[in-house]
Amino acid sequence: MAAQSEDWDKVSGTIEEGDRESPMQHAPLPMSRCLMHGAIMLGQEFSYAMETALVTLVLLQIVNQICQS
């Protein structure tokens, strides 16, 4: 874990006046970090889809009960 924090210290170092880089230049992310980010985003989107599916079913049941009364 210490090696990772050292890498991030290099990335987030201070920029001196004569050393300005364009905003698009940055250190590339390691593949493991990209995969972890992708897995988290996939899990989040899956959770949203499941929430929508379950809430829709519950709302349809409520409407059915109201309309049948």
PDB file of N, CA and C in Angstrom:
ATOM      1  N   MET A   1       0.822  -1.196   0.000  1.00  0.00           N
ATOM      2  CA  MET A   1       0.000   0.000   0.000  1.00  0.00           C
ATOM      3  C   MET A   1       0.865   1.258   0.000  1.00  0.00           C
ATOM      4  N   ALA A   2       2.044   1.167   0.572  1.00  0.00           N
ATOM      5  CA  ALA A   2       2.912   2.332   0.631  1.00  0.00           C
ATOM      6  C   ALA A   2       3.386   2.742  -0.755  1.00  0.00           C
ATOM      7  N   ALA A   3       3.667   1.769  -1.620  1.00  0.00           N
ATOM      8  CA  ALA A   3       4.125   2.087  -2.966  1.00  0.00           C
ATOM      9  C   ALA A   3       3.051   2.849  -3.734  1.00  0.00           C
ATOM     10  N   GLN A   4       1.799   2.491  -3.502  1.00  0.00           N
ATOM     11  CA  GLN A   4       0.714   3.166  -4.203  1.00  0.00           C
ATOM     12  C   GLN A   4       0.622   4.634  -3.774  1.00  0.00           C
ATOM     13  N   SER A   5       0.754   4.909  -2.490  1.00  0.00           N
ATOM     14  CA  SER A   5       0.669   6.288  -2.031  1.00  0.00           C
ATOM     15  C   SER A   5       1.857   7.100  -2.550  1.00  0.00           C
ATOM     16  N   GLU A   6       3.025   6.465  -2.695  1.00  0.00           N
ATOM     17  CA  GLU A   6       4.176   7.171  -3.255  1.00  0.00           C
ATOM     18  C   GLU A   6       3.902   7.544  -4.704  1.00  0.00           C
ATOM     19  N   ASP A   7       3.257   6.652  -5.470  1.00  0.00           N
ATOM     20  CA  ASP A   7       2.926   6.952  -6.857  1.00  0.00           C
ATOM     21  C   ASP A   7       1.990   8.146  -6.934  1.00  0.00           C
ATOM     22  N   TRP A   8       0.986   8.194  -6.042  1.00  0.00           N
ATOM     23  CA  TRP A   8       0.030   9.290  -6.083  1.00  0.00           C
ATOM     24  C   TRP A   8       0.678  10.593  -5.642  1.00  0.00           C
ATOM     25  N   ASP A   9       1.688  10.526  -4.784  1.00  0.00           N
ATOM     26  CA  ASP A   9       2.405  11.738  -4.411  1.00  0.00           C
ATOM     27  C   ASP A   9       3.121  12.329  -5.618  1.00  0.00           C
ATOM     28  N   LYS A  10       3.665  11.459  -6.477  1.00  0.00           N
ATOM     29  CA  LYS A  10       4.343  11.929  -7.685  1.00  0.00           C
ATOM     30  C   LYS A  10       3.345  12.579  -8.630  1.00  0.00           C
ATOM     31  N   VAL A  11       2.165  11.990  -8.752  1.00  0.00           N
ATOM     32  CA  VAL A  11       1.151  12.512  -9.669  1.00  0.00           C
ATOM     33  C   VAL A  11       0.635  13.854  -9.186  1.00  0.00           C
ATOM     34  N   SER A  12       0.406  13.987  -7.890  1.00  0.00           N
ATOM     35  CA  SER A  12      -0.206  15.208  -7.360  1.00  0.00           C
ATOM     36  C   SER A  12       0.827  16.229  -6.899  1.00  0.00           C
ATOM     37  N   GLY A  13       2.042  16.134  -7.403  1.00  0.00           N
ATOM     38  CA  GLY A  13       3.091  17.075  -7.011  1.00  0.00           C
ATOM     39  C   GLY A  13       2.758  18.491  -7.439  1.00  0.00           C
ATOM     40  N   THR A  14       3.458  19.456  -6.857  1.00  0.00           N
ATOM     41  CA  THR A  14       3.169  20.847  -7.181  1.00  0.00           C
ATOM     42  C   THR A  14       3.774  21.202  -8.531  1.00  0.00           C
ATOM     43  N   ILE A  15       3.128  22.125  -9.211  1.00  0.00           N
ATOM     44  CA  ILE A  15       3.606  22.596 -10.508  1.00  0.00           C
ATOM     45  C   ILE A  15       4.227  23.964 -10.301  1.00  0.00           C
ATOM     46  N   GLU A  16       5.460  24.118 -10.701  1.00  0.00           N
ATOM     47  CA  GLU A  16       6.130  25.402 -10.558  1.00  0.00           C
ATOM     48  C   GLU A  16       5.746  26.309 -11.717  1.00  0.00           C
ATOM     49  N   GLU A  17       6.064  27.588 -11.614  1.00  0.00           N
ATOM     50  CA  GLU A  17       5.638  28.575 -12.608  1.00  0.00           C
ATOM     51  C   GLU A  17       6.096  28.213 -14.022  1.00  0.00           C
ATOM     52  N   GLY A  18       7.339  27.835 -14.209  1.00  0.00           N
ATOM     53  CA  GLY A  18       7.852  27.534 -15.538  1.00  0.00           C
ATOM     54  C   GLY A  18       7.509  26.135 -16.013  1.00  0.00           C
ATOM     55  N   ASP A  19       6.883  25.327 -15.162  1.00  0.00           N
ATOM     56  CA  ASP A  19       6.632  23.917 -15.448  1.00  0.00           C
ATOM     57  C   ASP A  19       5.176  23.612 -15.751  1.00  0.00           C
ATOM     58  N   ARG A  20       4.428  24.564 -16.206  1.00  0.00           N
ATOM     59  CA  ARG A  20       2.991  24.338 -16.425  1.00  0.00           C
ATOM     60  C   ARG A  20       2.777  23.369 -17.572  1.00  0.00           C
ATOM     61  N   GLU A  21       1.908  22.378 -17.321  1.00  0.00           N
ATOM     62  CA  GLU A  21       1.543  21.402 -18.338  1.00  0.00           C
ATOM     63  C   GLU A  21       0.111  21.680 -18.764  1.00  0.00           C
ATOM     64  N   SER A  22      -0.267  21.164 -19.920  1.00  0.00           N
ATOM     65  CA  SER A  22      -1.653  21.327 -20.328  1.00  0.00           C
ATOM     66  C   SER A  22      -2.527  20.488 -19.399  1.00  0.00           C
ATOM     67  N   PRO A  23      -3.796  20.865 -19.210  1.00  0.00           N
ATOM     68  CA  PRO A  23      -4.668  20.114 -18.288  1.00  0.00           C
ATOM     69  C   PRO A  23      -4.912  18.679 -18.717  1.00  0.00           C
ATOM     70  N   MET A  24      -4.685  18.355 -19.984  1.00  0.00           N
ATOM     71  CA  MET A  24      -4.950  17.003 -20.475  1.00  0.00           C
ATOM     72  C   MET A  24      -3.787  16.045 -20.220  1.00  0.00           C
ATOM     73  N   GLN A  25      -2.622  16.536 -19.836  1.00  0.00           N
ATOM     74  CA  GLN A  25      -1.482  15.664 -19.588  1.00  0.00           C
ATOM     75  C   GLN A  25      -1.497  15.213 -18.133  1.00  0.00           C
ATOM     76  N   HIS A  26      -1.556  13.912 -17.927  1.00  0.00           N
ATOM     77  CA  HIS A  26      -1.536  13.367 -16.578  1.00  0.00           C
ATOM     78  C   HIS A  26      -0.987  11.947 -16.638  1.00  0.00           C
ATOM     79  N   ALA A  27      -0.654  11.432 -15.493  1.00  0.00           N
ATOM     80  CA  ALA A  27      -0.119  10.073 -15.429  1.00  0.00           C
ATOM     81  C   ALA A  27      -1.234   9.074 -15.747  1.00  0.00           C
ATOM     82  N   PRO A  28      -0.947   8.063 -16.554  1.00  0.00           N
ATOM     83  CA  PRO A  28      -1.981   7.073 -16.877  1.00  0.00           C
ATOM     84  C   PRO A  28      -2.346   6.236 -15.652  1.00  0.00           C
ATOM     85  N   LEU A  29      -3.611   5.848 -15.566  1.00  0.00           N
ATOM     86  CA  LEU A  29      -4.061   5.009 -14.461  1.00  0.00           C
ATOM     87  C   LEU A  29      -3.644   3.560 -14.725  1.00  0.00           C
ATOM     88  N   PRO A  30      -3.258   2.846 -13.689  1.00  0.00           N
ATOM     89  CA  PRO A  30      -2.937   1.422 -13.873  1.00  0.00           C
ATOM     90  C   PRO A  30      -4.189   0.631 -14.254  1.00  0.00           C
ATOM     91  N   MET A  31      -3.983  -0.464 -14.966  1.00  0.00           N
ATOM     92  CA  MET A  31      -5.097  -1.275 -15.448  1.00  0.00           C
ATOM     93  C   MET A  31      -5.946  -1.788 -14.290  1.00  0.00           C
ATOM     94  N   SER A  32      -5.327  -2.154 -13.178  1.00  0.00           N
ATOM     95  CA  SER A  32      -6.094  -2.674 -12.036  1.00  0.00           C
ATOM     96  C   SER A  32      -7.050  -1.617 -11.495  1.00  0.00           C
ATOM     97  N   ARG A  33      -6.630  -0.362 -11.475  1.00  0.00           N
ATOM     98  CA  ARG A  33      -7.494   0.713 -10.989  1.00  0.00           C
ATOM     99  C   ARG A  33      -8.649   0.950 -11.970  1.00  0.00           C
ATOM    100  N   CYS A  34      -8.371   0.849 -13.272  1.00  0.00           N
ATOM    101  CA  CYS A  34      -9.433   1.004 -14.273  1.00  0.00           C
ATOM    102  C   CYS A  34     -10.455  -0.121 -14.138  1.00  0.00           C
ATOM    103  N   LEU A  35      -9.981  -1.342 -13.932  1.00  0.00           N
ATOM    104  CA  LEU A  35     -10.895  -2.471 -13.768  1.00  0.00           C
ATOM    105  C   LEU A  35     -11.733  -2.327 -12.503  1.00  0.00           C
ATOM    106  N   MET A  36     -11.111  -1.867 -11.418  1.00  0.00           N
ATOM    107  CA  MET A  36     -11.849  -1.682 -10.176  1.00  0.00           C
ATOM    108  C   MET A  36     -12.917  -0.602 -10.353  1.00  0.00           C
ATOM    109  N   HIS A  37     -12.563   0.477 -11.029  1.00  0.00           N
ATOM    110  CA  HIS A  37     -13.526   1.545 -11.275  1.00  0.00           C
ATOM    111  C   HIS A  37     -14.683   1.020 -12.131  1.00  0.00           C
ATOM    112  N   GLY A  38     -14.361   0.238 -13.147  1.00  0.00           N
ATOM    113  CA  GLY A  38     -15.403  -0.334 -13.997  1.00  0.00           C
ATOM    114  C   GLY A  38     -16.323  -1.271 -13.233  1.00  0.00           C
ATOM    115  N   ALA A  39     -15.743  -2.077 -12.337  1.00  0.00           N
ATOM    116  CA  ALA A  39     -16.550  -3.007 -11.540  1.00  0.00           C
ATOM    117  C   ALA A  39     -17.489  -2.247 -10.604  1.00  0.00           C
ATOM    118  N   ILE A  40     -16.997  -1.171 -10.030  1.00  0.00           N
ATOM    119  CA  ILE A  40     -17.835  -0.364  -9.134  1.00  0.00           C
ATOM    120  C   ILE A  40     -18.977   0.271  -9.914  1.00  0.00           C
ATOM    121  N   MET A  41     -18.688   0.808 -11.090  1.00  0.00           N
ATOM    122  CA  MET A  41     -19.726   1.425 -11.906  1.00  0.00           C
ATOM    123  C   MET A  41     -20.750   0.394 -12.364  1.00  0.00           C
ATOM    124  N   LEU A  42     -20.296  -0.808 -12.707  1.00  0.00           N
ATOM    125  CA  LEU A  42     -21.211  -1.870 -13.106  1.00  0.00           C
ATOM    126  C   LEU A  42     -22.137  -2.240 -11.948  1.00  0.00           C
ATOM    127  N   GLY A  43     -21.582  -2.384 -10.757  1.00  0.00           N
ATOM    128  CA  GLY A  43     -22.393  -2.701  -9.585  1.00  0.00           C
ATOM    129  C   GLY A  43     -23.409  -1.620  -9.282  1.00  0.00           C
ATOM    130  N   GLN A  44     -23.012  -0.367  -9.437  1.00  0.00           N
ATOM    131  CA  GLN A  44     -23.921   0.742  -9.177  1.00  0.00           C
ATOM    132  C   GLN A  44     -25.069   0.735 -10.192  1.00  0.00           C
ATOM    133  N   GLU A  45     -24.756   0.560 -11.457  1.00  0.00           N
ATOM    134  CA  GLU A  45     -25.803   0.537 -12.481  1.00  0.00           C
ATOM    135  C   GLU A  45     -26.723  -0.664 -12.297  1.00  0.00           C
ATOM    136  N   PHE A  46     -26.161  -1.806 -11.890  1.00  0.00           N
ATOM    137  CA  PHE A  46     -26.983  -2.989 -11.633  1.00  0.00           C
ATOM    138  C   PHE A  46     -27.938  -2.721 -10.474  1.00  0.00           C
ATOM    139  N   SER A  47     -27.451  -2.056  -9.440  1.00  0.00           N
ATOM    140  CA  SER A  47     -28.308  -1.723  -8.299  1.00  0.00           C
ATOM    141  C   SER A  47     -29.449  -0.813  -8.724  1.00  0.00           C
ATOM    142  N   TYR A  48     -29.148   0.182  -9.562  1.00  0.00           N
ATOM    143  CA  TYR A  48     -30.203   1.067 -10.056  1.00  0.00           C
ATOM    144  C   TYR A  48     -31.230   0.291 -10.860  1.00  0.00           C
ATOM    145  N   ALA A  49     -30.783  -0.639 -11.698  1.00  0.00           N
ATOM    146  CA  ALA A  49     -31.708  -1.427 -12.516  1.00  0.00           C
ATOM    147  C   ALA A  49     -32.598  -2.304 -11.640  1.00  0.00           C
ATOM    148  N   MET A  50     -32.016  -2.939 -10.626  1.00  0.00           N
ATOM    149  CA  MET A  50     -32.807  -3.788  -9.727  1.00  0.00           C
ATOM    150  C   MET A  50     -33.807  -2.951  -8.939  1.00  0.00           C
ATOM    151  N   GLU A  51     -33.382  -1.792  -8.479  1.00  0.00           N
ATOM    152  CA  GLU A  51     -34.289  -0.911  -7.740  1.00  0.00           C
ATOM    153  C   GLU A  51     -35.472  -0.519  -8.621  1.00  0.00           C
ATOM    154  N   THR A  52     -35.190  -0.148  -9.862  1.00  0.00           N
ATOM    155  CA  THR A  52     -36.261   0.243 -10.778  1.00  0.00           C
ATOM    156  C   THR A  52     -37.219  -0.907 -11.021  1.00  0.00           C
ATOM    157  N   ALA A  53     -36.673  -2.106 -11.246  1.00  0.00           N
ATOM    158  CA  ALA A  53     -37.517  -3.264 -11.528  1.00  0.00           C
ATOM    159  C   ALA A  53     -38.415  -3.598 -10.334  1.00  0.00           C
ATOM    160  N   LEU A  54     -37.849  -3.588  -9.142  1.00  0.00           N
ATOM    161  CA  LEU A  54     -38.632  -3.951  -7.958  1.00  0.00           C
ATOM    162  C   LEU A  54     -39.657  -2.886  -7.598  1.00  0.00           C
ATOM    163  N   VAL A  55     -39.286  -1.616  -7.700  1.00  0.00           N
ATOM    164  CA  VAL A  55     -40.217  -0.545  -7.377  1.00  0.00           C
ATOM    165  C   VAL A  55     -41.366  -0.529  -8.375  1.00  0.00           C
ATOM    166  N   THR A  56     -41.064  -0.795  -9.652  1.00  0.00           N
ATOM    167  CA  THR A  56     -42.117  -0.833 -10.667  1.00  0.00           C
ATOM    168  C   THR A  56     -43.134  -1.915 -10.354  1.00  0.00           C
ATOM    169  N   LEU A  57     -42.665  -3.088  -9.948  1.00  0.00           N
ATOM    170  CA  LEU A  57     -43.592  -4.170  -9.600  1.00  0.00           C
ATOM    171  C   LEU A  57     -44.480  -3.797  -8.422  1.00  0.00           C
ATOM    172  N   VAL A  58     -43.893  -3.204  -7.417  1.00  0.00           N
ATOM    173  CA  VAL A  58     -44.668  -2.811  -6.235  1.00  0.00           C
ATOM    174  C   VAL A  58     -45.700  -1.757  -6.602  1.00  0.00           C
ATOM    175  N   LEU A  59     -45.300  -0.769  -7.394  1.00  0.00           N
ATOM    176  CA  LEU A  59     -46.247   0.274  -7.794  1.00  0.00           C
ATOM    177  C   LEU A  59     -47.379  -0.291  -8.646  1.00  0.00           C
ATOM    178  N   LEU A  60     -47.076  -1.226  -9.529  1.00  0.00           N
ATOM    179  CA  LEU A  60     -48.124  -1.840 -10.337  1.00  0.00           C
ATOM    180  C   LEU A  60     -49.108  -2.626  -9.475  1.00  0.00           C
ATOM    181  N   GLN A  61     -48.612  -3.310  -8.449  1.00  0.00           N
ATOM    182  CA  GLN A  61     -49.497  -4.048  -7.546  1.00  0.00           C
ATOM    183  C   GLN A  61     -50.399  -3.090  -6.781  1.00  0.00           C
ATOM    184  N   ILE A  62     -49.856  -1.967  -6.342  1.00  0.00           N
ATOM    185  CA  ILE A  62     -50.655  -0.985  -5.614  1.00  0.00           C
ATOM    186  C   ILE A  62     -51.752  -0.421  -6.521  1.00  0.00           C
ATOM    187  N   VAL A  63     -51.395  -0.083  -7.747  1.00  0.00           N
ATOM    188  CA  VAL A  63     -52.380   0.459  -8.690  1.00  0.00           C
ATOM    189  C   VAL A  63     -53.447  -0.578  -8.996  1.00  0.00           C
ATOM    190  N   ASN A  64     -53.066  -1.839  -9.153  1.00  0.00           N
ATOM    191  CA  ASN A  64     -54.035  -2.902  -9.398  1.00  0.00           C
ATOM    192  C   ASN A  64     -55.031  -3.009  -8.253  1.00  0.00           C
ATOM    193  N   GLN A  65     -54.542  -2.962  -7.032  1.00  0.00           N
ATOM    194  CA  GLN A  65     -55.425  -3.059  -5.878  1.00  0.00           C
ATOM    195  C   GLN A  65     -56.372  -1.856  -5.799  1.00  0.00           C
ATOM    196  N   ILE A  66     -55.892  -0.680  -6.134  1.00  0.00           N
ATOM    197  CA  ILE A  66     -56.723   0.525  -6.099  1.00  0.00           C
ATOM    198  C   ILE A  66     -57.809   0.445  -7.182  1.00  0.00           C
ATOM    199  N   CYS A  67     -57.409   0.007  -8.381  1.00  0.00           N
ATOM    200  CA  CYS A  67     -58.357  -0.040  -9.500  1.00  0.00           C
ATOM    201  C   CYS A  67     -59.414  -1.138  -9.292  1.00  0.00           C
ATOM    202  N   GLN A  68     -59.068  -2.207  -8.616  1.00  0.00           N
ATOM    203  CA  GLN A  68     -60.021  -3.288  -8.391  1.00  0.00           C
ATOM    204  C   GLN A  68     -61.010  -2.973  -7.274  1.00  0.00           C
ATOM    205  N   SER A  69     -60.672  -2.017  -6.434  1.00  0.00           N
ATOM    206  CA  SER A  69     -61.559  -1.679  -5.302  1.00  0.00           C
ATOM    207  C   SER A  69     -62.765  -0.905  -5.745  1.00  0.00           C
TER     208      SER A  69
END
